[in-house]
Amino acid sequence: GEELAIVTDIPGTTRDAIRQIIDVGGVPAHIIDTAGLRESEDL
């Protein structure tokens, strides 16, 4: 319900995990947004 992660059309924008606790039907959920899975030469 808020802008926690940067959203762009550029592949690989998310470099590190972003963690947030949200309420899913009364149950706390620890959501982790991760880097896109692909082959990359970028360290």
PDB file of all heavy atoms in Angstrom:
ATOM      1  N   GLY A   1       0.799  -1.226   0.000  1.00  0.00           N
ATOM      2  CA  GLY A   1       0.000   0.000   0.000  1.00  0.00           C
ATOM      3  C   GLY A   1       0.822   1.262   0.000  1.00  0.00           C
ATOM      4  O   GLY A   1       0.309   2.349   0.288  1.00  0.00           O
ATOM      5  N   GLU A   2       2.114   1.164  -0.318  1.00  0.00           N
ATOM      6  CA  GLU A   2       2.967   2.351  -0.390  1.00  0.00           C
ATOM      7  C   GLU A   2       4.142   2.065  -1.313  1.00  0.00           C
ATOM      8  O   GLU A   2       4.448   0.909  -1.627  1.00  0.00           O
ATOM      9  CB  GLU A   2       3.475   2.746   0.996  1.00  0.00           C
ATOM     10  CG  GLU A   2       4.218   1.652   1.740  1.00  0.00           C
ATOM     11  CD  GLU A   2       4.652   2.103   3.114  1.00  0.00           C
ATOM     12  OE1 GLU A   2       5.277   3.168   3.208  1.00  0.00           O
ATOM     13  OE2 GLU A   2       4.367   1.380   4.096  1.00  0.00           O
ATOM     14  N   GLU A   3       4.816   3.144  -1.756  1.00  0.00           N
ATOM     15  CA  GLU A   3       5.920   3.019  -2.694  1.00  0.00           C
ATOM     16  C   GLU A   3       7.201   2.694  -1.932  1.00  0.00           C
ATOM     17  O   GLU A   3       7.945   3.576  -1.520  1.00  0.00           O
ATOM     18  CB  GLU A   3       6.082   4.314  -3.503  1.00  0.00           C
ATOM     19  CG  GLU A   3       4.903   4.663  -4.382  1.00  0.00           C
ATOM     20  CD  GLU A   3       4.664   3.624  -5.471  1.00  0.00           C
ATOM     21  OE1 GLU A   3       5.666   3.167  -6.064  1.00  0.00           O
ATOM     22  OE2 GLU A   3       3.500   3.283  -5.724  1.00  0.00           O
ATOM     23  N   LEU A   4       7.475   1.415  -1.765  1.00  0.00           N
ATOM     24  CA  LEU A   4       8.669   0.991  -1.041  1.00  0.00           C
ATOM     25  C   LEU A   4       9.836   0.732  -1.975  1.00  0.00           C
ATOM     26  O   LEU A   4      10.986   0.970  -1.624  1.00  0.00           O
ATOM     27  CB  LEU A   4       8.371  -0.292  -0.251  1.00  0.00           C
ATOM     28  CG  LEU A   4       7.286  -0.194   0.818  1.00  0.00           C
ATOM     29  CD1 LEU A   4       6.975  -1.577   1.366  1.00  0.00           C
ATOM     30  CD2 LEU A   4       7.740   0.718   1.951  1.00  0.00           C
ATOM     31  N   ALA A   5       9.544   0.213  -3.164  1.00  0.00           N
ATOM     32  CA  ALA A   5      10.598  -0.167  -4.103  1.00  0.00           C
ATOM     33  C   ALA A   5      10.532   0.727  -5.337  1.00  0.00           C
ATOM     34  O   ALA A   5       9.458   1.157  -5.767  1.00  0.00           O
ATOM     35  CB  ALA A   5      10.440  -1.629  -4.507  1.00  0.00           C
ATOM     36  N   ILE A   6      11.693   1.018  -5.901  1.00  0.00           N
ATOM     37  CA  ILE A   6      11.770   1.813  -7.123  1.00  0.00           C
ATOM     38  C   ILE A   6      11.336   0.943  -8.305  1.00  0.00           C
ATOM     39  O   ILE A   6      11.797  -0.195  -8.459  1.00  0.00           O
ATOM     40  CB  ILE A   6      13.207   2.325  -7.353  1.00  0.00           C
ATOM     41  CG1 ILE A   6      13.618   3.247  -6.192  1.00  0.00           C
ATOM     42  CG2 ILE A   6      13.325   3.040  -8.683  1.00  0.00           C
ATOM     43  CD1 ILE A   6      15.083   3.661  -6.247  1.00  0.00           C
ATOM     44  N   VAL A   7      10.452   1.487  -9.123  1.00  0.00           N
ATOM     45  CA  VAL A   7       9.941   0.755 -10.279  1.00  0.00           C
ATOM     46  C   VAL A   7      10.340   1.498 -11.547  1.00  0.00           C
ATOM     47  O   VAL A   7      10.016   2.673 -11.723  1.00  0.00           O
ATOM     48  CB  VAL A   7       8.403   0.618 -10.215  1.00  0.00           C
ATOM     49  CG1 VAL A   7       7.890  -0.107 -11.458  1.00  0.00           C
ATOM     50  CG2 VAL A   7       7.987  -0.122  -8.951  1.00  0.00           C
ATOM     51  N   THR A   8      11.095   0.807 -12.439  1.00  0.00           N
ATOM     52  CA  THR A   8      11.460   1.378 -13.733  1.00  0.00           C
ATOM     53  C   THR A   8      11.369   0.288 -14.785  1.00  0.00           C
ATOM     54  O   THR A   8      11.203  -0.891 -14.479  1.00  0.00           O
ATOM     55  CB  THR A   8      12.896   1.952 -13.737  1.00  0.00           C
ATOM     56  OG1 THR A   8      13.830   0.867 -13.753  1.00  0.00           O
ATOM     57  CG2 THR A   8      13.154   2.821 -12.514  1.00  0.00           C
ATOM     58  N   ASP A   9      11.526   0.686 -16.047  1.00  0.00           N
ATOM     59  CA  ASP A   9      11.553  -0.282 -17.142  1.00  0.00           C
ATOM     60  C   ASP A   9      12.953  -0.835 -17.378  1.00  0.00           C
ATOM     61  O   ASP A   9      13.149  -1.664 -18.267  1.00  0.00           O
ATOM     62  CB  ASP A   9      11.060   0.382 -18.438  1.00  0.00           C
ATOM     63  CG  ASP A   9       9.583   0.745 -18.347  1.00  0.00           C
ATOM     64  OD1 ASP A   9       8.865   0.035 -17.619  1.00  0.00           O
ATOM     65  OD2 ASP A   9       9.168   1.729 -18.980  1.00  0.00           O
ATOM     66  N   ILE A  10      13.932  -0.382 -16.578  1.00  0.00           N
ATOM     67  CA  ILE A  10      15.320  -0.804 -16.787  1.00  0.00           C
ATOM     68  C   ILE A  10      15.560  -2.130 -16.072  1.00  0.00           C
ATOM     69  O   ILE A  10      15.376  -2.210 -14.854  1.00  0.00           O
ATOM     70  CB  ILE A  10      16.302   0.260 -16.247  1.00  0.00           C
ATOM     71  CG1 ILE A  10      16.031   1.612 -16.915  1.00  0.00           C
ATOM     72  CG2 ILE A  10      17.744  -0.183 -16.460  1.00  0.00           C
ATOM     73  CD1 ILE A  10      16.833   2.743 -16.320  1.00  0.00           C
ATOM     74  N   PRO A  11      15.936  -3.192 -16.777  1.00  0.00           N
ATOM     75  CA  PRO A  11      16.198  -4.469 -16.113  1.00  0.00           C
ATOM     76  C   PRO A  11      17.314  -4.326 -15.085  1.00  0.00           C
ATOM     77  O   PRO A  11      18.297  -3.621 -15.306  1.00  0.00           O
ATOM     78  CB  PRO A  11      16.618  -5.395 -17.263  1.00  0.00           C
ATOM     79  CG  PRO A  11      16.051  -4.758 -18.493  1.00  0.00           C
ATOM     80  CD  PRO A  11      16.093  -3.281 -18.246  1.00  0.00           C
ATOM     81  N   GLY A  12      17.153  -5.003 -13.950  1.00  0.00           N
ATOM     82  CA  GLY A  12      18.187  -4.984 -12.921  1.00  0.00           C
ATOM     83  C   GLY A  12      18.099  -3.795 -11.988  1.00  0.00           C
ATOM     84  O   GLY A  12      19.059  -3.500 -11.270  1.00  0.00           O
ATOM     85  N   THR A  13      16.944  -3.087 -11.983  1.00  0.00           N
ATOM     86  CA  THR A  13      16.809  -1.933 -11.089  1.00  0.00           C
ATOM     87  C   THR A  13      16.957  -2.348  -9.627  1.00  0.00           C
ATOM     88  O   THR A  13      17.631  -1.696  -8.837  1.00  0.00           O
ATOM     89  CB  THR A  13      15.446  -1.247 -11.304  1.00  0.00           C
ATOM     90  OG1 THR A  13      15.376  -0.769 -12.648  1.00  0.00           O
ATOM     91  CG2 THR A  13      15.277  -0.083 -10.339  1.00  0.00           C
ATOM     92  N   THR A  14      16.297  -3.446  -9.238  1.00  0.00           N
ATOM     93  CA  THR A  14      16.394  -3.936  -7.859  1.00  0.00           C
ATOM     94  C   THR A  14      17.683  -4.733  -7.721  1.00  0.00           C
ATOM     95  O   THR A  14      17.847  -5.778  -8.340  1.00  0.00           O
ATOM     96  CB  THR A  14      15.187  -4.822  -7.502  1.00  0.00           C
ATOM     97  OG1 THR A  14      13.987  -4.070  -7.673  1.00  0.00           O
ATOM     98  CG2 THR A  14      15.288  -5.291  -6.054  1.00  0.00           C
ATOM     99  N   ARG A  15      18.611  -4.202  -6.917  1.00  0.00           N
ATOM    100  CA  ARG A  15      19.901  -4.859  -6.729  1.00  0.00           C
ATOM    101  C   ARG A  15      19.969  -5.627  -5.407  1.00  0.00           C
ATOM    102  O   ARG A  15      20.717  -6.574  -5.292  1.00  0.00           O
ATOM    103  CB  ARG A  15      21.026  -3.809  -6.755  1.00  0.00           C
ATOM    104  CG  ARG A  15      21.115  -3.025  -8.057  1.00  0.00           C
ATOM    105  CD  ARG A  15      21.485  -3.928  -9.219  1.00  0.00           C
ATOM    106  NE  ARG A  15      21.726  -3.190 -10.441  1.00  0.00           N
ATOM    107  CZ  ARG A  15      22.935  -2.764 -10.830  1.00  0.00           C
ATOM    108  NH1 ARG A  15      23.991  -3.000 -10.084  1.00  0.00           N
ATOM    109  NH2 ARG A  15      23.080  -2.114 -11.957  1.00  0.00           N
ATOM    110  N   ASP A  16      19.245  -5.184  -4.404  1.00  0.00           N
ATOM    111  CA  ASP A  16      19.304  -5.813  -3.088  1.00  0.00           C
ATOM    112  C   ASP A  16      17.888  -6.122  -2.622  1.00  0.00           C
ATOM    113  O   ASP A  16      16.912  -5.554  -3.126  1.00  0.00           O
ATOM    114  CB  ASP A  16      19.993  -4.883  -2.082  1.00  0.00           C
ATOM    115  CG  ASP A  16      20.562  -5.635  -0.894  1.00  0.00           C
ATOM    116  OD1 ASP A  16      20.344  -6.864  -0.810  1.00  0.00           O
ATOM    117  OD2 ASP A  16      21.221  -5.001  -0.046  1.00  0.00           O
ATOM    118  N   ALA A  17      17.795  -7.033  -1.651  1.00  0.00           N
ATOM    119  CA  ALA A  17      16.479  -7.428  -1.147  1.00  0.00           C
ATOM    120  C   ALA A  17      15.834  -6.287  -0.375  1.00  0.00           C
ATOM    121  O   ALA A  17      16.486  -5.597   0.413  1.00  0.00           O
ATOM    122  CB  ALA A  17      16.621  -8.652  -0.249  1.00  0.00           C
ATOM    123  N   ILE A  18      14.541  -6.077  -0.625  1.00  0.00           N
ATOM    124  CA  ILE A  18      13.752  -5.076   0.103  1.00  0.00           C
ATOM    125  C   ILE A  18      12.720  -5.835   0.921  1.00  0.00           C
ATOM    126  O   ILE A  18      11.955  -6.639   0.389  1.00  0.00           O
ATOM    127  CB  ILE A  18      13.055  -4.106  -0.873  1.00  0.00           C
ATOM    128  CG1 ILE A  18      14.103  -3.369  -1.716  1.00  0.00           C
ATOM    129  CG2 ILE A  18      12.182  -3.120  -0.115  1.00  0.00           C
ATOM    130  CD1 ILE A  18      13.510  -2.516  -2.810  1.00  0.00           C
ATOM    131  N   ARG A  19      12.698  -5.590   2.227  1.00  0.00           N
ATOM    132  CA  ARG A  19      11.850  -6.365   3.138  1.00  0.00           C
ATOM    133  C   ARG A  19      10.767  -5.475   3.727  1.00  0.00           C
ATOM    134  O   ARG A  19      11.037  -4.328   4.091  1.00  0.00           O
ATOM    135  CB  ARG A  19      12.700  -6.982   4.254  1.00  0.00           C
ATOM    136  CG  ARG A  19      13.823  -7.842   3.730  1.00  0.00           C
ATOM    137  CD  ARG A  19      14.823  -8.201   4.819  1.00  0.00           C
ATOM    138  NE  ARG A  19      15.985  -8.877   4.260  1.00  0.00           N
ATOM    139  CZ  ARG A  19      16.110 -10.177   4.122  1.00  0.00           C
ATOM    140  NH1 ARG A  19      15.131 -10.966   4.542  1.00  0.00           N
ATOM    141  NH2 ARG A  19      17.187 -10.713   3.595  1.00  0.00           N
ATOM    142  N   GLN A  20       9.594  -6.038   3.866  1.00  0.00           N
ATOM    143  CA  GLN A  20       8.485  -5.300   4.448  1.00  0.00           C
ATOM    144  C   GLN A  20       7.508  -6.282   5.090  1.00  0.00           C
ATOM    145  O   GLN A  20       7.258  -7.366   4.541  1.00  0.00           O
ATOM    146  CB  GLN A  20       7.749  -4.473   3.378  1.00  0.00           C
ATOM    147  CG  GLN A  20       6.574  -3.672   3.882  1.00  0.00           C
ATOM    148  CD  GLN A  20       6.992  -2.541   4.821  1.00  0.00           C
ATOM    149  OE1 GLN A  20       8.142  -2.161   4.859  1.00  0.00           O
ATOM    150  NE2 GLN A  20       6.043  -1.998   5.555  1.00  0.00           N
ATOM    151  N   ILE A  21       6.971  -5.911   6.259  1.00  0.00           N
ATOM    152  CA  ILE A  21       5.937  -6.715   6.906  1.00  0.00           C
ATOM    153  C   ILE A  21       4.584  -6.135   6.552  1.00  0.00           C
ATOM    154  O   ILE A  21       4.345  -4.932   6.747  1.00  0.00           O
ATOM    155  CB  ILE A  21       6.121  -6.738   8.434  1.00  0.00           C
ATOM    156  CG1 ILE A  21       7.484  -7.329   8.801  1.00  0.00           C
ATOM    157  CG2 ILE A  21       5.014  -7.553   9.086  1.00  0.00           C
ATOM    158  CD1 ILE A  21       7.761  -7.340  10.284  1.00  0.00           C
ATOM    159  N   ILE A  22       3.695  -6.947   6.031  1.00  0.00           N
ATOM    160  CA  ILE A  22       2.354  -6.497   5.686  1.00  0.00           C
ATOM    161  C   ILE A  22       1.331  -7.445   6.312  1.00  0.00           C
ATOM    162  O   ILE A  22       1.668  -8.541   6.759  1.00  0.00           O
ATOM    163  CB  ILE A  22       2.148  -6.427   4.153  1.00  0.00           C
ATOM    164  CG1 ILE A  22       2.208  -7.837   3.546  1.00  0.00           C
ATOM    165  CG2 ILE A  22       3.161  -5.514   3.506  1.00  0.00           C
ATOM    166  CD1 ILE A  22       1.819  -7.866   2.083  1.00  0.00           C
ATOM    167  N   ASP A  23       0.105  -7.004   6.337  1.00  0.00           N
ATOM    168  CA  ASP A  23      -1.000  -7.769   6.901  1.00  0.00           C
ATOM    169  C   ASP A  23      -1.725  -8.487   5.768  1.00  0.00           C
ATOM    170  O   ASP A  23      -2.277  -7.856   4.866  1.00  0.00           O
ATOM    171  CB  ASP A  23      -1.951  -6.816   7.637  1.00  0.00           C
ATOM    172  CG  ASP A  23      -3.082  -7.547   8.357  1.00  0.00           C
ATOM    173  OD1 ASP A  23      -3.412  -8.675   7.959  1.00  0.00           O
ATOM    174  OD2 ASP A  23      -3.650  -6.976   9.302  1.00  0.00           O
ATOM    175  N   VAL A  24      -1.694  -9.831   5.814  1.00  0.00           N
ATOM    176  CA  VAL A  24      -2.413 -10.630   4.813  1.00  0.00           C
ATOM    177  C   VAL A  24      -3.528 -11.373   5.523  1.00  0.00           C
ATOM    178  O   VAL A  24      -3.313 -12.420   6.129  1.00  0.00           O
ATOM    179  CB  VAL A  24      -1.472 -11.615   4.092  1.00  0.00           C
ATOM    180  CG1 VAL A  24      -2.261 -12.454   3.083  1.00  0.00           C
ATOM    181  CG2 VAL A  24      -0.351 -10.875   3.390  1.00  0.00           C
ATOM    182  N   GLY A  25      -4.720 -10.810   5.502  1.00  0.00           N
ATOM    183  CA  GLY A  25      -5.858 -11.457   6.148  1.00  0.00           C
ATOM    184  C   GLY A  25      -5.674 -11.667   7.633  1.00  0.00           C
ATOM    185  O   GLY A  25      -6.157 -12.645   8.192  1.00  0.00           O
ATOM    186  N   GLY A  26      -4.944 -10.760   8.299  1.00  0.00           N
ATOM    187  CA  GLY A  26      -4.700 -10.881   9.730  1.00  0.00           C
ATOM    188  C   GLY A  26      -3.411 -11.577  10.074  1.00  0.00           C
ATOM    189  O   GLY A  26      -2.976 -11.555  11.221  1.00  0.00           O
ATOM    190  N   VAL A  27      -2.773 -12.215   9.088  1.00  0.00           N
ATOM    191  CA  VAL A  27      -1.514 -12.920   9.305  1.00  0.00           C
ATOM    192  C   VAL A  27      -0.362 -12.023   8.861  1.00  0.00           C
ATOM    193  O   VAL A  27      -0.374 -11.515   7.736  1.00  0.00           O
ATOM    194  CB  VAL A  27      -1.476 -14.245   8.519  1.00  0.00           C
ATOM    195  CG1 VAL A  27      -0.154 -14.961   8.727  1.00  0.00           C
ATOM    196  CG2 VAL A  27      -2.640 -15.135   8.920  1.00  0.00           C
ATOM    197  N   PRO A  28       0.652 -11.810   9.713  1.00  0.00           N
ATOM    198  CA  PRO A  28       1.789 -11.002   9.280  1.00  0.00           C
ATOM    199  C   PRO A  28       2.598 -11.743   8.212  1.00  0.00           C
ATOM    200  O   PRO A  28       2.879 -12.936   8.351  1.00  0.00           O
ATOM    201  CB  PRO A  28       2.613 -10.801  10.562  1.00  0.00           C
ATOM    202  CG  PRO A  28       2.161 -11.856  11.501  1.00  0.00           C
ATOM    203  CD  PRO A  28       0.758 -12.223  11.124  1.00  0.00           C
ATOM    204  N   ALA A  29       2.930 -11.046   7.156  1.00  0.00           N
ATOM    205  CA  ALA A  29       3.712 -11.635   6.070  1.00  0.00           C
ATOM    206  C   ALA A  29       4.975 -10.802   5.869  1.00  0.00           C
ATOM    207  O   ALA A  29       4.906  -9.584   5.710  1.00  0.00           O
ATOM    208  CB  ALA A  29       2.906 -11.683   4.777  1.00  0.00           C
ATOM    209  N   HIS A  30       6.119 -11.472   5.905  1.00  0.00           N
ATOM    210  CA  HIS A  30       7.407 -10.820   5.665  1.00  0.00           C
ATOM    211  C   HIS A  30       7.704 -10.961   4.178  1.00  0.00           C
ATOM    212  O   HIS A  30       8.158 -12.013   3.722  1.00  0.00           O
ATOM    213  CB  HIS A  30       8.499 -11.467   6.512  1.00  0.00           C
ATOM    214  CG  HIS A  30       8.167 -11.517   7.981  1.00  0.00           C
ATOM    215  ND1 HIS A  30       8.607 -10.577   8.885  1.00  0.00           N
ATOM    216  CD2 HIS A  30       7.419 -12.388   8.700  1.00  0.00           C
ATOM    217  CE1 HIS A  30       8.158 -10.875  10.087  1.00  0.00           C
ATOM    218  NE2 HIS A  30       7.424 -11.969  10.005  1.00  0.00           N
ATOM    219  N   ILE A  31       7.433  -9.895   3.430  1.00  0.00           N
ATOM    220  CA  ILE A  31       7.603  -9.929   1.979  1.00  0.00           C
ATOM    221  C   ILE A  31       9.014  -9.456   1.629  1.00  0.00           C
ATOM    222  O   ILE A  31       9.466  -8.412   2.120  1.00  0.00           O
ATOM    223  CB  ILE A  31       6.572  -9.038   1.278  1.00  0.00           C
ATOM    224  CG1 ILE A  31       5.150  -9.400   1.709  1.00  0.00           C
ATOM    225  CG2 ILE A  31       6.720  -9.143  -0.228  1.00  0.00           C
ATOM    226  CD1 ILE A  31       4.658 -10.698   1.182  1.00  0.00           C
ATOM    227  N   ILE A  32       9.682 -10.214   0.768  1.00  0.00           N
ATOM    228  CA  ILE A  32      11.032  -9.852   0.338  1.00  0.00           C
ATOM    229  C   ILE A  32      11.030  -9.712  -1.180  1.00  0.00           C
ATOM    230  O   ILE A  32      10.781 -10.683  -1.908  1.00  0.00           O
ATOM    231  CB  ILE A  32      12.062 -10.910   0.769  1.00  0.00           C
ATOM    232  CG1 ILE A  32      11.996 -11.133   2.283  1.00  0.00           C
ATOM    233  CG2 ILE A  32      13.470 -10.482   0.350  1.00  0.00           C
ATOM    234  CD1 ILE A  32      12.893 -12.260   2.757  1.00  0.00           C
ATOM    235  N   ASP A  33      11.285  -8.485  -1.648  1.00  0.00           N
ATOM    236  CA  ASP A  33      11.430  -8.228  -3.078  1.00  0.00           C
ATOM    237  C   ASP A  33      12.900  -8.403  -3.421  1.00  0.00           C
ATOM    238  O   ASP A  33      13.779  -7.835  -2.763  1.00  0.00           O
ATOM    239  CB  ASP A  33      10.973  -6.803  -3.406  1.00  0.00           C
ATOM    240  CG  ASP A  33      11.148  -6.462  -4.877  1.00  0.00           C
ATOM    241  OD1 ASP A  33      11.204  -7.397  -5.705  1.00  0.00           O
ATOM    242  OD2 ASP A  33      11.252  -5.260  -5.200  1.00  0.00           O
ATOM    243  N   THR A  34      13.187  -9.205  -4.434  1.00  0.00           N
ATOM    244  CA  THR A  34      14.570  -9.574  -4.716  1.00  0.00           C
ATOM    245  C   THR A  34      14.992  -9.141  -6.116  1.00  0.00           C
ATOM    246  O   THR A  34      14.173  -8.743  -6.950  1.00  0.00           O
ATOM    247  CB  THR A  34      14.745 -11.100  -4.603  1.00  0.00           C
ATOM    248  OG1 THR A  34      13.872 -11.743  -5.546  1.00  0.00           O
ATOM    249  CG2 THR A  34      14.405 -11.576  -3.201  1.00  0.00           C
ATOM    250  N   ALA A  35      16.290  -9.239  -6.331  1.00  0.00           N
ATOM    251  CA  ALA A  35      16.832  -8.933  -7.654  1.00  0.00           C
ATOM    252  C   ALA A  35      16.307  -9.930  -8.681  1.00  0.00           C
ATOM    253  O   ALA A  35      16.099 -11.112  -8.380  1.00  0.00           O
ATOM    254  CB  ALA A  35      18.362  -8.987  -7.609  1.00  0.00           C
ATOM    255  N   GLY A  36      16.089  -9.448  -9.903  1.00  0.00           N
ATOM    256  CA  GLY A  36      15.636 -10.331 -10.973  1.00  0.00           C
ATOM    257  C   GLY A  36      16.660 -11.417 -11.252  1.00  0.00           C
ATOM    258  O   GLY A  36      17.872 -11.170 -11.286  1.00  0.00           O
ATOM    259  N   LEU A  37      16.163 -12.648 -11.448  1.00  0.00           N
ATOM    260  CA  LEU A  37      17.058 -13.785 -11.669  1.00  0.00           C
ATOM    261  C   LEU A  37      17.385 -13.898 -13.157  1.00  0.00           C
ATOM    262  O   LEU A  37      16.515 -14.182 -13.974  1.00  0.00           O
ATOM    263  CB  LEU A  37      16.393 -15.064 -11.153  1.00  0.00           C
ATOM    264  CG  LEU A  37      16.098 -15.078  -9.647  1.00  0.00           C
ATOM    265  CD1 LEU A  37      15.292 -16.312  -9.265  1.00  0.00           C
ATOM    266  CD2 LEU A  37      17.390 -15.022  -8.849  1.00  0.00           C
ATOM    267  N   ARG A  38      18.652 -13.676 -13.459  1.00  0.00           N
ATOM    268  CA  ARG A  38      19.112 -13.798 -14.849  1.00  0.00           C
ATOM    269  C   ARG A  38      20.633 -13.897 -14.826  1.00  0.00           C
ATOM    270  O   ARG A  38      21.284 -13.675 -13.803  1.00  0.00           O
ATOM    271  CB  ARG A  38      18.685 -12.579 -15.680  1.00  0.00           C
ATOM    272  CG  ARG A  38      19.341 -11.276 -15.203  1.00  0.00           C
ATOM    273  CD  ARG A  38      19.103 -10.148 -16.159  1.00  0.00           C
ATOM    274  NE  ARG A  38      19.733  -8.898 -15.733  1.00  0.00           N
ATOM    275  CZ  ARG A  38      19.804  -7.802 -16.482  1.00  0.00           C
ATOM    276  NH1 ARG A  38      19.269  -7.798 -17.689  1.00  0.00           N
ATOM    277  NH2 ARG A  38      20.395  -6.716 -16.023  1.00  0.00           N
ATOM    278  N   GLU A  39      21.220 -14.222 -15.967  1.00  0.00           N
ATOM    279  CA  GLU A  39      22.671 -14.202 -16.105  1.00  0.00           C
ATOM    280  C   GLU A  39      23.107 -12.747 -16.227  1.00  0.00           C
ATOM    281  O   GLU A  39      22.524 -11.969 -16.988  1.00  0.00           O
ATOM    282  CB  GLU A  39      23.108 -14.989 -17.345  1.00  0.00           C
ATOM    283  CG  GLU A  39      22.806 -16.484 -17.266  1.00  0.00           C
ATOM    284  CD  GLU A  39      23.607 -17.163 -16.175  1.00  0.00           C
ATOM    285  OE1 GLU A  39      24.745 -16.703 -15.907  1.00  0.00           O
ATOM    286  OE2 GLU A  39      23.114 -18.144 -15.581  1.00  0.00           O
ATOM    287  N   SER A  40      24.131 -12.368 -15.459  1.00  0.00           N
ATOM    288  CA  SER A  40      24.577 -10.977 -15.484  1.00  0.00           C
ATOM    289  C   SER A  40      26.079 -10.913 -15.264  1.00  0.00           C
ATOM    290  O   SER A  40      26.648 -11.724 -14.524  1.00  0.00           O
ATOM    291  CB  SER A  40      23.855 -10.169 -14.404  1.00  0.00           C
ATOM    292  OG  SER A  40      24.358  -8.850 -14.336  1.00  0.00           O
ATOM    293  N   GLU A  41      26.724  -9.937 -15.910  1.00  0.00           N
ATOM    294  CA  GLU A  41      28.147  -9.690 -15.703  1.00  0.00           C
ATOM    295  C   GLU A  41      28.377  -8.558 -14.716  1.00  0.00           C
ATOM    296  O   GLU A  41      29.517  -8.302 -14.329  1.00  0.00           O
ATOM    297  CB  GLU A  41      28.814  -9.352 -17.057  1.00  0.00           C
ATOM    298  CG  GLU A  41      28.733 -10.470 -18.087  1.00  0.00           C
ATOM    299  CD  GLU A  41      29.396 -11.747 -17.577  1.00  0.00           C
ATOM    300  OE1 GLU A  41      30.443 -11.639 -16.898  1.00  0.00           O
ATOM    301  OE2 GLU A  41      28.865 -12.844 -17.845  1.00  0.00           O
ATOM    302  N   ASP A  42      27.305  -7.875 -14.335  1.00  0.00           N
ATOM    303  CA  ASP A  42      27.409  -6.770 -13.377  1.00  0.00           C
ATOM    304  C   ASP A  42      27.673  -7.345 -11.985  1.00  0.00           C
ATOM    305  O   ASP A  42      26.880  -8.139 -11.473  1.00  0.00           O
ATOM    306  CB  ASP A  42      26.111  -5.963 -13.396  1.00  0.00           C
ATOM    307  CG  ASP A  42      26.196  -4.721 -12.521  1.00  0.00           C
ATOM    308  OD1 ASP A  42      26.376  -4.878 -11.295  1.00  0.00           O
ATOM    309  OD2 ASP A  42      26.079  -3.604 -13.060  1.00  0.00           O
ATOM    310  N   LEU A  43      28.786  -6.958 -11.360  1.00  0.00           N
ATOM    311  CA  LEU A  43      29.172  -7.525 -10.074  1.00  0.00           C
ATOM    312  C   LEU A  43      28.124  -7.258  -9.000  1.00  0.00           C
ATOM    313  O   LEU A  43      27.768  -8.169  -8.226  1.00  0.00           O
ATOM    314  CB  LEU A  43      30.525  -6.955  -9.632  1.00  0.00           C
ATOM    315  CG  LEU A  43      31.030  -7.427  -8.260  1.00  0.00           C
ATOM    316  CD1 LEU A  43      31.198  -8.934  -8.244  1.00  0.00           C
ATOM    317  CD2 LEU A  43      32.351  -6.737  -7.921  1.00  0.00           C
TER     318      LEU A  43
END
